[in-house]
Amino acid sequence: KRLYVLGDEAIQFANIFNREVRRPLSKGVVSPQEKEALPVVELLIKSVLGKPREEGETLYYSVPSRPLDADFLVVYHKKVLERYLKSLGFTPKAIEEGLTVIFSELPQEKFTGIGISFGGGMTNMCLAYLASPVVSFSVTRGGDWIDEQVALAVGETRARVCSFKESKLNLSQEKGLTKVEEALSIYHNHLIEYVLTNFKRKLAKMKNIPDFRKPISVVLSGGTAMPKGFLPRFEKILSKIRFPIEIGEIKMASQPLYTVAKGALVAAMAEKE
């Protein structure tokens, strides 16, 4: 028999034995390298959802947008999750991750603005106008990419880098940095610049951008956006990029780890009404 350790404890075990954690998702989708990936994902989903309150209960689940910087499609990921959710008795409906951020955090702005979800395997972005996505896409860089690059740069395991990043990192600190802190600072900068530059290029190619009558809000979410100092770092980098849309308030989601789930719930409740 094999013992599988899930959650934060997996990272703790990996650090104790100087091993790397295995991930059921890679670059935001079910990992093709891990044969146990899908059973683990299904187990996690079942433990969270339980049984539907009524047969065929509507359930919205998030999927990544098509990546700009990779050749793979998200169709397989989307369909295997759909099949499993149906087997549990739900009526599953997919919603793109970036749009869920807008549904969760921008009701006062009539669901108009930019939502960015800085996840582990991917970063998802969406520009929406009155709840309708104008443009949405993803890039295959996120927290896992930062961990990998920093680990290579400083000679540490990804698990140790991730553990430090999630528990102690302060991006507001600029002096007296350890080599791990300096590398994390560099790669957080690089990720933000990469995301915003790709967003700007995507918008520049569009012919019909809505006429926003006032500056629009930007909402950041996801675990990778949670280190202290991430928001001011993002604001500083954005201020140096000439964006084709006038930006108003930039804010962190109220609960960055649960924003996507909340947005999917908003979509499901709106359909029920």
Protein backbone atom coordinates (compact mmCIF):
# COMPACT_ATOMS: atom_id res chain seq x y z
CA LYS A 1 0.00 0.00 0.00
CA ARG A 2 1.03 3.59 -0.62
CA LEU A 3 0.44 6.59 1.61
CA TYR A 4 -0.43 9.87 -0.11
CA VAL A 5 -0.07 13.08 1.89
CA LEU A 6 -2.18 15.97 0.62
CA GLY A 7 -2.25 19.68 1.39
CA ASP A 8 0.22 21.79 3.37
CA GLU A 9 1.45 18.70 5.22
CA ALA A 10 2.81 17.36 1.93
CA ILE A 11 5.24 20.28 1.75
CA GLN A 12 6.24 19.73 5.38
CA PHE A 13 6.95 16.05 4.71
CA ALA A 14 8.93 16.92 1.60
CA ASN A 15 11.08 19.39 3.55
CA ILE A 16 11.76 16.87 6.31
CA PHE A 17 13.01 14.25 3.84
CA ASN A 18 14.57 16.79 1.45
CA ARG A 19 12.27 15.64 -1.35
CA GLU A 20 10.13 17.42 -3.92
CA VAL A 21 6.34 17.41 -3.76
CA ARG A 22 4.40 15.85 -6.63
CA ARG A 23 1.59 17.87 -8.14
CA PRO A 24 -1.61 16.50 -9.70
CA LEU A 25 -1.88 19.69 -11.75
CA SER A 26 0.81 21.04 -14.05
CA LYS A 27 0.56 24.47 -15.69
CA GLY A 28 -3.03 24.75 -14.55
CA VAL A 29 -4.32 21.45 -15.98
CA VAL A 30 -4.30 17.76 -15.00
CA SER A 31 -0.67 16.67 -15.15
CA PRO A 32 0.15 14.22 -17.97
CA GLN A 33 3.34 13.21 -16.14
CA GLU A 34 1.56 11.94 -13.00
CA LYS A 35 -0.45 8.74 -13.51
CA GLU A 36 -2.18 9.23 -10.15
CA ALA A 37 -3.07 12.85 -10.96
CA LEU A 38 -6.67 12.35 -12.02
CA PRO A 39 -7.67 9.99 -9.16
CA VAL A 40 -6.19 12.44 -6.64
CA VAL A 41 -8.04 15.39 -8.21
CA GLU A 42 -11.29 13.39 -8.21
CA LEU A 43 -10.80 12.46 -4.55
CA LEU A 44 -10.27 16.11 -3.60
CA ILE A 45 -13.33 17.23 -5.57
CA LYS A 46 -15.55 14.56 -4.01
CA SER A 47 -14.41 15.41 -0.48
CA VAL A 48 -15.21 19.10 -1.01
CA LEU A 49 -18.52 18.77 -2.87
CA GLY A 50 -20.27 15.90 -1.19
CA LYS A 51 -23.58 14.95 -2.78
CA PRO A 52 -25.85 17.30 -4.76
CA ARG A 53 -28.82 18.66 -2.82
CA GLU A 54 -31.01 17.62 -5.73
CA GLU A 55 -30.35 15.46 -8.75
CA GLY A 56 -28.85 17.54 -11.53
CA GLU A 57 -27.98 20.50 -9.28
CA THR A 58 -26.14 23.17 -11.29
CA LEU A 59 -22.45 23.44 -10.48
CA TYR A 60 -20.07 25.96 -12.00
CA TYR A 61 -16.42 24.93 -12.09
CA SER A 62 -13.49 27.06 -13.20
CA VAL A 63 -11.22 26.26 -16.10
CA PRO A 64 -8.18 28.16 -17.35
CA SER A 65 -8.40 30.27 -20.46
CA ARG A 66 -6.42 29.20 -23.50
CA PRO A 67 -2.73 29.96 -22.86
CA LEU A 68 -0.92 32.49 -25.02
CA ASP A 69 2.49 30.94 -24.49
CA ALA A 70 1.85 27.21 -24.90
CA ASP A 71 0.53 24.94 -27.63
CA PHE A 72 -1.75 22.74 -25.54
CA LEU A 73 -5.52 23.17 -25.29
CA VAL A 74 -7.52 22.96 -22.07
CA VAL A 75 -10.23 20.78 -23.66
CA TYR A 76 -9.07 17.50 -22.06
CA HIS A 77 -8.86 19.09 -18.61
CA LYS A 78 -12.30 20.63 -19.03
CA LYS A 79 -13.96 17.45 -20.28
CA VAL A 80 -12.55 15.01 -17.72
CA LEU A 81 -13.73 17.28 -14.91
CA GLU A 82 -17.13 17.64 -16.58
CA ARG A 83 -17.46 13.87 -16.86
CA TYR A 84 -16.56 13.30 -13.21
CA LEU A 85 -18.90 16.02 -11.94
CA LYS A 86 -21.75 14.49 -13.95
CA SER A 87 -21.00 11.10 -12.36
CA LEU A 88 -21.54 12.71 -8.95
CA GLY A 89 -25.03 13.85 -9.98
CA PHE A 90 -24.33 17.49 -10.84
CA THR A 91 -25.02 19.49 -14.00
CA PRO A 92 -21.56 21.02 -14.54
CA LYS A 93 -20.96 24.28 -16.37
CA ALA A 94 -17.47 25.62 -17.04
CA ILE A 95 -16.52 29.25 -16.40
CA GLU A 96 -13.14 30.79 -17.15
CA GLU A 97 -11.04 31.57 -14.11
CA GLY A 98 -10.37 35.23 -14.84
CA LEU A 99 -14.09 35.96 -15.18
CA THR A 100 -14.82 34.43 -11.77
CA VAL A 101 -12.58 37.07 -10.19
CA ILE A 102 -14.75 39.80 -11.71
CA PHE A 103 -17.97 38.06 -10.64
CA SER A 104 -16.64 37.75 -7.10
CA GLU A 105 -15.17 41.19 -6.55
CA LEU A 106 -16.76 43.74 -8.90
CA PRO A 107 -20.55 43.68 -8.38
CA GLN A 108 -20.54 47.41 -7.50
CA GLU A 109 -18.87 48.13 -10.85
CA LYS A 110 -21.57 46.11 -12.66
CA PHE A 111 -19.04 43.34 -13.27
CA THR A 112 -16.90 45.60 -15.43
CA GLY A 113 -13.12 45.59 -15.05
CA ILE A 114 -10.04 43.40 -15.12
CA GLY A 115 -9.64 40.24 -13.05
CA ILE A 116 -6.27 38.55 -12.68
CA SER A 117 -5.85 35.24 -10.90
CA PHE A 118 -2.23 34.53 -9.98
CA GLY A 119 -2.40 30.78 -9.45
CA GLY A 120 0.16 28.06 -9.00
CA GLY A 121 0.46 26.68 -12.51
CA MET A 122 -1.00 29.57 -14.49
CA THR A 123 -1.99 33.20 -14.36
CA ASN A 124 -5.44 33.90 -15.82
CA MET A 125 -6.63 37.31 -17.00
CA CYS A 126 -10.00 38.64 -18.09
CA LEU A 127 -11.33 42.01 -19.19
CA ALA A 128 -15.12 42.11 -18.88
CA TYR A 129 -17.81 44.66 -19.68
CA LEU A 130 -21.15 44.26 -17.89
CA ALA A 131 -20.34 40.63 -17.00
CA SER A 132 -19.45 39.71 -20.59
CA PRO A 133 -15.81 38.78 -21.24
CA VAL A 134 -14.18 41.05 -23.80
CA VAL A 135 -10.87 39.21 -23.75
CA SER A 136 -9.58 36.38 -21.59
CA PHE A 137 -6.41 34.33 -21.74
CA SER A 138 -3.76 32.73 -19.58
CA VAL A 139 -0.01 32.36 -19.40
CA THR A 140 1.71 29.22 -18.14
CA ARG A 141 3.63 30.99 -15.41
CA GLY A 142 2.58 31.33 -11.80
CA GLY A 143 3.73 30.40 -8.33
CA ASP A 144 5.12 27.01 -9.38
CA TRP A 145 7.21 28.68 -12.07
CA ILE A 146 8.62 31.10 -9.50
CA ASP A 147 9.48 28.21 -7.16
CA GLU A 148 11.21 26.32 -9.96
CA GLN A 149 13.28 29.27 -11.16
CA VAL A 150 14.33 30.32 -7.66
CA ALA A 151 15.26 26.73 -6.74
CA LEU A 152 17.49 26.51 -9.81
CA ALA A 153 19.08 29.88 -9.07
CA VAL A 154 19.96 29.27 -5.42
CA GLY A 155 20.36 25.48 -5.27
CA GLU A 156 17.38 24.72 -3.03
CA THR A 157 14.47 22.33 -3.45
CA ARG A 158 11.24 23.74 -4.85
CA ALA A 159 9.45 22.56 -1.72
CA ARG A 160 11.69 24.63 0.57
CA VAL A 161 11.39 27.69 -1.65
CA CYS A 162 7.60 27.33 -1.72
CA SER A 163 7.43 26.91 2.05
CA PHE A 164 9.46 30.08 2.64
CA LYS A 165 7.51 32.03 0.02
CA GLU A 166 4.13 31.14 1.51
CA SER A 167 5.07 31.71 5.15
CA LYS A 168 7.73 34.43 5.37
CA LEU A 169 8.17 36.37 2.12
CA ASN A 170 7.82 40.16 2.35
CA LEU A 171 8.12 41.86 -1.03
CA SER A 172 8.11 45.28 0.66
CA GLN A 173 11.55 44.54 2.07
CA GLU A 174 14.32 45.74 -0.24
CA LYS A 175 17.47 45.70 1.90
CA GLY A 176 19.32 42.97 3.75
CA LEU A 177 17.83 40.21 1.62
CA THR A 178 19.02 36.63 1.70
CA LYS A 179 19.78 35.02 -1.66
CA VAL A 180 16.41 33.23 -1.57
CA GLU A 181 14.57 36.49 -0.83
CA GLU A 182 16.45 38.32 -3.58
CA ALA A 183 15.68 35.59 -6.11
CA LEU A 184 12.00 35.56 -5.09
CA SER A 185 11.86 39.34 -5.50
CA ILE A 186 13.43 39.13 -8.97
CA TYR A 187 11.09 36.42 -10.21
CA HIS A 188 7.96 38.05 -8.78
CA ASN A 189 8.95 41.15 -10.74
CA HIS A 190 9.48 39.07 -13.85
CA LEU A 191 6.11 37.33 -13.52
CA ILE A 192 4.19 40.59 -13.10
CA GLU A 193 6.00 42.19 -16.05
CA TYR A 194 5.37 39.09 -18.17
CA VAL A 195 1.66 39.06 -17.38
CA LEU A 196 1.12 42.78 -18.00
CA THR A 197 3.21 42.86 -21.18
CA ASN A 198 1.23 39.98 -22.66
CA PHE A 199 -2.04 41.63 -21.61
CA LYS A 200 -1.00 44.87 -23.30
CA ARG A 201 -0.07 43.04 -26.52
CA LYS A 202 -3.37 41.17 -26.52
CA LEU A 203 -5.35 44.39 -26.13
CA ALA A 204 -3.30 46.13 -28.82
CA LYS A 205 -4.40 43.49 -31.34
CA MET A 206 -8.09 43.99 -30.60
CA LYS A 207 -10.17 46.06 -33.00
CA ASN A 208 -13.29 46.66 -30.91
CA ILE A 209 -12.49 47.50 -27.30
CA PRO A 210 -15.58 48.80 -25.46
CA ASP A 211 -15.75 52.52 -24.76
CA PHE A 212 -15.30 52.56 -21.00
CA ARG A 213 -16.67 55.86 -19.76
CA LYS A 214 -14.46 55.91 -16.69
CA PRO A 215 -11.27 54.23 -15.47
CA ILE A 216 -11.81 50.55 -14.71
CA SER A 217 -10.78 48.60 -11.64
CA VAL A 218 -8.23 45.80 -11.52
CA VAL A 219 -8.62 42.97 -9.01
CA LEU A 220 -5.78 40.62 -8.06
CA SER A 221 -6.38 37.19 -6.56
CA GLY A 222 -4.74 33.81 -6.06
CA GLY A 223 -2.13 32.44 -3.71
CA THR A 224 0.78 33.86 -5.69
CA ALA A 225 -0.58 37.38 -5.07
CA MET A 226 -0.71 36.91 -1.30
CA PRO A 227 2.84 37.74 -0.12
CA LYS A 228 3.04 41.02 1.75
CA GLY A 229 3.99 43.82 -0.64
CA PHE A 230 2.67 42.14 -3.80
CA LEU A 231 0.01 44.79 -4.46
CA PRO A 232 2.35 47.83 -4.31
CA ARG A 233 4.87 45.88 -6.41
CA PHE A 234 2.16 45.28 -9.03
CA GLU A 235 1.08 48.94 -8.95
CA LYS A 236 4.66 50.12 -9.43
CA ILE A 237 5.26 47.88 -12.44
CA LEU A 238 1.89 48.72 -14.02
CA SER A 239 2.63 52.45 -13.72
CA LYS A 240 5.62 51.96 -16.05
CA ILE A 241 3.59 50.21 -18.74
CA ARG A 242 1.54 52.36 -21.09
CA PHE A 243 -1.75 50.50 -21.00
CA PRO A 244 -4.34 51.09 -23.78
CA ILE A 245 -7.14 51.27 -21.17
CA GLU A 246 -7.35 53.83 -18.38
CA ILE A 247 -6.94 52.07 -15.04
CA GLY A 248 -8.64 53.21 -11.86
CA GLU A 249 -8.41 51.37 -8.54
CA ILE A 250 -6.11 48.39 -8.19
CA LYS A 251 -7.07 46.18 -5.29
CA MET A 252 -6.51 42.79 -3.76
CA ALA A 253 -9.48 40.43 -3.59
CA SER A 254 -11.08 40.18 -0.16
CA GLN A 255 -10.14 36.49 0.15
CA PRO A 256 -7.54 35.75 -2.55
CA LEU A 257 -7.55 31.97 -2.08
CA TYR A 258 -11.34 31.68 -2.36
CA THR A 259 -12.08 34.32 -5.01
CA VAL A 260 -12.45 31.89 -7.90
CA ALA A 261 -14.82 29.63 -5.95
CA LYS A 262 -16.88 32.63 -4.85
CA GLY A 263 -17.12 33.90 -8.42
CA ALA A 264 -18.28 30.50 -9.65
CA LEU A 265 -20.91 30.50 -6.91
CA VAL A 266 -22.12 33.95 -8.01
CA ALA A 267 -22.52 32.61 -11.55
CA ALA A 268 -24.48 29.57 -10.34
CA MET A 269 -26.76 31.67 -8.12
CA ALA A 270 -27.41 34.15 -10.94
CA GLU A 271 -28.52 31.30 -13.20
CA LYS A 272 -30.83 29.91 -10.53
CA GLU A 273 -32.53 33.29 -10.15
